[in-house]
Amino acid sequence: MNPLLHETGVCAGREKKEYNDLFFLCSLIEYTARKTKNHRDRVVRALGKDRLRHIYDLADVYHCENIDKVSDELIEKYRIPIGNFDNVADCRYAIPTHWDIGKVYKRLIVAVCENQGKDPIDSLTEVYCSWISLKIENYNSSAYYESPGYLYASYIAGTML
């Protein structure tokens, strides 16, 4: 059974472990993409589903490490190339942290899992490799701070509503 389905996601004021693991993985993708100046889908594709699942399964261990170190290891081990997409330098406003963006993606991916009954890593790959990822990574737009419900409805509609 999909560990993200059929639960509220919060137990006694704490977030479910699976949600926290997904949050860490999304934040790591964001951090690595910024560091390598790549679109987020490029990092997701470079890692592939099996590696993403491995990181997700061990997120509580990786989370104890310095995220810069973990990112460097991924970049080296999986030969993630340096690109030329620098949405941080292009941002004219306050720059969201990699944790902020990780939370945006986590919420959208959880909505996909819960509403479509999909596996977290399949949903993650689908979301990051879709049109909405380009909208979220544009920090000069409002997409990354829209409500989770709005982002999910837009994702399903195939366009920003």
C-alpha atoms as a PDB file:
ATOM      1  CA  MET A   1       0.000   0.000   0.000  1.00  0.00           C
ATOM      2  CA  ASN A   2       1.193   3.500  -0.777  1.00  0.00           C
ATOM      3  CA  PRO A   3       2.512   4.963   2.498  1.00  0.00           C
ATOM      4  CA  LEU A   4       1.255   8.444   1.609  1.00  0.00           C
ATOM      5  CA  LEU A   5      -2.364   7.416   1.131  1.00  0.00           C
ATOM      6  CA  HIS A   6      -5.290   7.187   3.523  1.00  0.00           C
ATOM      7  CA  GLU A   7      -3.811   9.231   6.353  1.00  0.00           C
ATOM      8  CA  THR A   8      -3.978  12.829   7.377  1.00  0.00           C
ATOM      9  CA  GLY A   9      -0.217  13.217   7.267  1.00  0.00           C
ATOM     10  CA  VAL A  10       0.001  14.542  10.797  1.00  0.00           C
ATOM     11  CA  CYS A  11       0.163  12.481  13.976  1.00  0.00           C
ATOM     12  CA  ALA A  12       0.154  14.244  17.336  1.00  0.00           C
ATOM     13  CA  GLY A  13       1.386  17.464  15.747  1.00  0.00           C
ATOM     14  CA  ARG A  14       4.203  15.773  13.841  1.00  0.00           C
ATOM     15  CA  GLU A  15       4.401  15.237  10.130  1.00  0.00           C
ATOM     16  CA  LYS A  16       4.443  11.662   8.886  1.00  0.00           C
ATOM     17  CA  LYS A  17       7.927  10.291   8.282  1.00  0.00           C
ATOM     18  CA  GLU A  18       7.132   9.643   4.613  1.00  0.00           C
ATOM     19  CA  TYR A  19       6.142  13.276   4.102  1.00  0.00           C
ATOM     20  CA  ASN A  20       9.309  14.471   5.798  1.00  0.00           C
ATOM     21  CA  ASP A  21      11.400  12.106   3.653  1.00  0.00           C
ATOM     22  CA  LEU A  22       9.724  13.443   0.521  1.00  0.00           C
ATOM     23  CA  PHE A  23      10.329  17.007   1.724  1.00  0.00           C
ATOM     24  CA  PHE A  24      14.032  16.276   2.170  1.00  0.00           C
ATOM     25  CA  LEU A  25      14.311  14.673  -1.269  1.00  0.00           C
ATOM     26  CA  CYS A  26      12.576  17.614  -2.950  1.00  0.00           C
ATOM     27  CA  SER A  27      14.786  20.082  -1.077  1.00  0.00           C
ATOM     28  CA  LEU A  28      17.882  18.118  -2.101  1.00  0.00           C
ATOM     29  CA  ILE A  29      16.780  18.197  -5.751  1.00  0.00           C
ATOM     30  CA  GLU A  30      16.290  21.959  -5.474  1.00  0.00           C
ATOM     31  CA  TYR A  31      19.653  22.464  -3.769  1.00  0.00           C
ATOM     32  CA  THR A  32      21.474  20.334  -6.357  1.00  0.00           C
ATOM     33  CA  ALA A  33      19.730  22.052  -9.277  1.00  0.00           C
ATOM     34  CA  ARG A  34      20.730  25.474  -7.963  1.00  0.00           C
ATOM     35  CA  LYS A  35      24.295  24.332  -7.384  1.00  0.00           C
ATOM     36  CA  THR A  36      24.614  22.875 -10.901  1.00  0.00           C
ATOM     37  CA  LYS A  37      22.522  25.613 -12.551  1.00  0.00           C
ATOM     38  CA  ASN A  38      20.072  23.131 -14.019  1.00  0.00           C
ATOM     39  CA  HIS A  39      16.338  22.918 -14.411  1.00  0.00           C
ATOM     40  CA  ARG A  40      14.930  20.605 -11.750  1.00  0.00           C
ATOM     41  CA  ASP A  41      13.804  17.985 -14.250  1.00  0.00           C
ATOM     42  CA  ARG A  42      17.403  17.591 -15.428  1.00  0.00           C
ATOM     43  CA  VAL A  43      18.516  16.625 -11.919  1.00  0.00           C
ATOM     44  CA  VAL A  44      15.560  14.239 -11.553  1.00  0.00           C
ATOM     45  CA  ARG A  45      16.352  12.592 -14.895  1.00  0.00           C
ATOM     46  CA  ALA A  46      20.076  12.361 -14.066  1.00  0.00           C
ATOM     47  CA  LEU A  47      19.276  10.538 -10.836  1.00  0.00           C
ATOM     48  CA  GLY A  48      16.545   8.288 -12.250  1.00  0.00           C
ATOM     49  CA  LYS A  49      13.727   6.585 -10.375  1.00  0.00           C
ATOM     50  CA  ASP A  50      15.850   3.878  -8.740  1.00  0.00           C
ATOM     51  CA  ARG A  51      18.316   6.370  -7.258  1.00  0.00           C
ATOM     52  CA  LEU A  52      15.512   8.719  -6.231  1.00  0.00           C
ATOM     53  CA  ARG A  53      13.783   5.821  -4.464  1.00  0.00           C
ATOM     54  CA  HIS A  54      17.069   4.931  -2.723  1.00  0.00           C
ATOM     55  CA  ILE A  55      17.504   8.520  -1.480  1.00  0.00           C
ATOM     56  CA  TYR A  56      13.841   8.618  -0.415  1.00  0.00           C
ATOM     57  CA  ASP A  57      14.186   5.335   1.474  1.00  0.00           C
ATOM     58  CA  LEU A  58      17.301   6.594   3.277  1.00  0.00           C
ATOM     59  CA  ALA A  59      16.233  10.223   3.638  1.00  0.00           C
ATOM     60  CA  ASP A  60      16.318  10.091   7.438  1.00  0.00           C
ATOM     61  CA  VAL A  61      20.003   9.068   7.208  1.00  0.00           C
ATOM     62  CA  TYR A  62      20.882  11.617   4.509  1.00  0.00           C
ATOM     63  CA  HIS A  63      19.039  14.295   6.448  1.00  0.00           C
ATOM     64  CA  CYS A  64      21.631  13.935   9.232  1.00  0.00           C
ATOM     65  CA  GLU A  65      24.393  14.854   6.783  1.00  0.00           C
ATOM     66  CA  ASN A  66      25.282  18.318   5.557  1.00  0.00           C
ATOM     67  CA  ILE A  67      23.082  18.912   2.491  1.00  0.00           C
ATOM     68  CA  ASP A  68      26.024  20.504   0.658  1.00  0.00           C
ATOM     69  CA  LYS A  69      28.050  17.299   1.132  1.00  0.00           C
ATOM     70  CA  VAL A  70      25.174  15.063   0.038  1.00  0.00           C
ATOM     71  CA  SER A  71      24.610  17.239  -3.030  1.00  0.00           C
ATOM     72  CA  ASP A  72      28.324  17.171  -3.943  1.00  0.00           C
ATOM     73  CA  GLU A  73      28.330  13.379  -3.702  1.00  0.00           C
ATOM     74  CA  LEU A  74      25.292  13.126  -5.995  1.00  0.00           C
ATOM     75  CA  ILE A  75      26.780  15.550  -8.513  1.00  0.00           C
ATOM     76  CA  GLU A  76      30.039  13.608  -8.639  1.00  0.00           C
ATOM     77  CA  LYS A  77      28.660  10.064  -8.461  1.00  0.00           C
ATOM     78  CA  TYR A  78      25.938  10.590 -11.062  1.00  0.00           C
ATOM     79  CA  ARG A  79      27.891  13.067 -13.178  1.00  0.00           C
ATOM     80  CA  ILE A  80      25.280  15.800 -13.060  1.00  0.00           C
ATOM     81  CA  PRO A  81      26.621  18.391 -15.499  1.00  0.00           C
ATOM     82  CA  ILE A  82      26.864  22.115 -14.867  1.00  0.00           C
ATOM     83  CA  GLY A  83      24.172  23.908 -16.824  1.00  0.00           C
ATOM     84  CA  ASN A  84      23.405  27.541 -17.523  1.00  0.00           C
ATOM     85  CA  PHE A  85      20.003  27.981 -15.840  1.00  0.00           C
ATOM     86  CA  ASP A  86      20.420  30.337 -12.892  1.00  0.00           C
ATOM     87  CA  ASN A  87      17.000  31.255 -11.558  1.00  0.00           C
ATOM     88  CA  VAL A  88      18.555  32.521  -8.328  1.00  0.00           C
ATOM     89  CA  ALA A  89      20.671  35.157 -10.131  1.00  0.00           C
ATOM     90  CA  ASP A  90      17.705  36.042 -12.340  1.00  0.00           C
ATOM     91  CA  CYS A  91      15.374  36.584  -9.378  1.00  0.00           C
ATOM     92  CA  ARG A  92      14.357  40.212  -8.853  1.00  0.00           C
ATOM     93  CA  TYR A  93      12.658  39.610  -5.523  1.00  0.00           C
ATOM     94  CA  ALA A  94      13.264  37.699  -2.306  1.00  0.00           C
ATOM     95  CA  ILE A  95      14.735  34.305  -3.155  1.00  0.00           C
ATOM     96  CA  PRO A  96      12.920  31.336  -1.612  1.00  0.00           C
ATOM     97  CA  THR A  97      15.190  28.854   0.152  1.00  0.00           C
ATOM     98  CA  HIS A  98      15.707  25.343  -1.150  1.00  0.00           C
ATOM     99  CA  TRP A  99      13.644  24.248   1.870  1.00  0.00           C
ATOM    100  CA  ASP A 100      10.789  26.576   0.824  1.00  0.00           C
ATOM    101  CA  ILE A 101      10.726  25.113  -2.675  1.00  0.00           C
ATOM    102  CA  GLY A 102      11.105  21.576  -1.321  1.00  0.00           C
ATOM    103  CA  LYS A 103       7.914  22.148   0.650  1.00  0.00           C
ATOM    104  CA  VAL A 104       6.057  23.413  -2.439  1.00  0.00           C
ATOM    105  CA  TYR A 105       6.986  20.302  -4.423  1.00  0.00           C
ATOM    106  CA  LYS A 106       6.309  17.968  -1.496  1.00  0.00           C
ATOM    107  CA  ARG A 107       2.770  19.297  -1.101  1.00  0.00           C
ATOM    108  CA  LEU A 108       2.040  18.975  -4.814  1.00  0.00           C
ATOM    109  CA  ILE A 109       3.473  15.457  -4.983  1.00  0.00           C
ATOM    110  CA  VAL A 110       1.492  14.374  -1.904  1.00  0.00           C
ATOM    111  CA  ALA A 111      -1.682  15.725  -3.567  1.00  0.00           C
ATOM    112  CA  VAL A 112      -0.914  13.697  -6.701  1.00  0.00           C
ATOM    113  CA  CYS A 113      -0.321  10.575  -4.589  1.00  0.00           C
ATOM    114  CA  GLU A 114      -3.468  11.019  -2.540  1.00  0.00           C
ATOM    115  CA  ASN A 115      -5.795  11.973  -5.388  1.00  0.00           C
ATOM    116  CA  GLN A 116      -4.466   9.628  -8.058  1.00  0.00           C
ATOM    117  CA  GLY A 117      -3.245   6.706  -5.937  1.00  0.00           C
ATOM    118  CA  LYS A 118       0.257   6.871  -7.347  1.00  0.00           C
ATOM    119  CA  ASP A 119       3.586   5.899  -5.845  1.00  0.00           C
ATOM    120  CA  PRO A 120       5.565   8.832  -4.348  1.00  0.00           C
ATOM    121  CA  ILE A 121       8.592   8.446  -6.635  1.00  0.00           C
ATOM    122  CA  ASP A 122       6.449   8.012  -9.743  1.00  0.00           C
ATOM    123  CA  SER A 123       4.510  11.131  -8.728  1.00  0.00           C
ATOM    124  CA  LEU A 124       7.725  13.031  -8.002  1.00  0.00           C
ATOM    125  CA  THR A 125       9.158  12.180 -11.406  1.00  0.00           C
ATOM    126  CA  GLU A 126       5.904  13.061 -13.136  1.00  0.00           C
ATOM    127  CA  VAL A 127       5.620  16.451 -11.397  1.00  0.00           C
ATOM    128  CA  TYR A 128       9.242  17.493 -11.870  1.00  0.00           C
ATOM    129  CA  CYS A 129       9.192  16.484 -15.531  1.00  0.00           C
ATOM    130  CA  SER A 130       5.967  18.365 -16.247  1.00  0.00           C
ATOM    131  CA  TRP A 131       5.210  21.900 -17.359  1.00  0.00           C
ATOM    132  CA  ILE A 132       4.435  23.032 -13.803  1.00  0.00           C
ATOM    133  CA  SER A 133       8.031  22.605 -12.691  1.00  0.00           C
ATOM    134  CA  LEU A 134       9.068  25.402 -15.066  1.00  0.00           C
ATOM    135  CA  LYS A 135       6.435  27.629 -13.440  1.00  0.00           C
ATOM    136  CA  ILE A 136       7.515  26.807  -9.887  1.00  0.00           C
ATOM    137  CA  GLU A 137      11.203  27.407 -10.605  1.00  0.00           C
ATOM    138  CA  ASN A 138      10.470  30.882 -11.994  1.00  0.00           C
ATOM    139  CA  TYR A 139      10.960  32.911  -8.817  1.00  0.00           C
ATOM    140  CA  ASN A 140       9.798  36.090 -10.579  1.00  0.00           C
ATOM    141  CA  SER A 141       6.306  34.616 -10.869  1.00  0.00           C
ATOM    142  CA  SER A 142       3.821  33.849  -8.133  1.00  0.00           C
ATOM    143  CA  ALA A 143       3.583  30.092  -8.744  1.00  0.00           C
ATOM    144  CA  TYR A 144       5.867  28.949  -5.956  1.00  0.00           C
ATOM    145  CA  TYR A 145       3.843  30.703  -3.258  1.00  0.00           C
ATOM    146  CA  GLU A 146       0.386  29.764  -4.514  1.00  0.00           C
ATOM    147  CA  SER A 147      -1.728  27.494  -2.347  1.00  0.00           C
ATOM    148  CA  PRO A 148      -1.205  23.747  -2.639  1.00  0.00           C
ATOM    149  CA  GLY A 149      -4.800  23.300  -3.807  1.00  0.00           C
ATOM    150  CA  TYR A 150      -4.366  25.862  -6.569  1.00  0.00           C
ATOM    151  CA  LEU A 151      -1.117  24.265  -7.760  1.00  0.00           C
ATOM    152  CA  TYR A 152      -2.706  20.817  -7.810  1.00  0.00           C
ATOM    153  CA  ALA A 153      -5.803  22.046  -9.703  1.00  0.00           C
ATOM    154  CA  SER A 154      -3.552  23.830 -12.195  1.00  0.00           C
ATOM    155  CA  TYR A 155      -1.379  20.745 -12.583  1.00  0.00           C
ATOM    156  CA  ILE A 156      -4.439  18.624 -13.357  1.00  0.00           C
ATOM    157  CA  ALA A 157      -5.813  21.263 -15.757  1.00  0.00           C
ATOM    158  CA  GLY A 158      -2.480  21.453 -17.579  1.00  0.00           C
ATOM    159  CA  THR A 159      -2.283  25.246 -17.216  1.00  0.00           C
ATOM    160  CA  MET A 160      -2.206  27.850 -14.487  1.00  0.00           C
ATOM    161  CA  LEU A 161      -5.826  28.611 -13.638  1.00  0.00           C
END
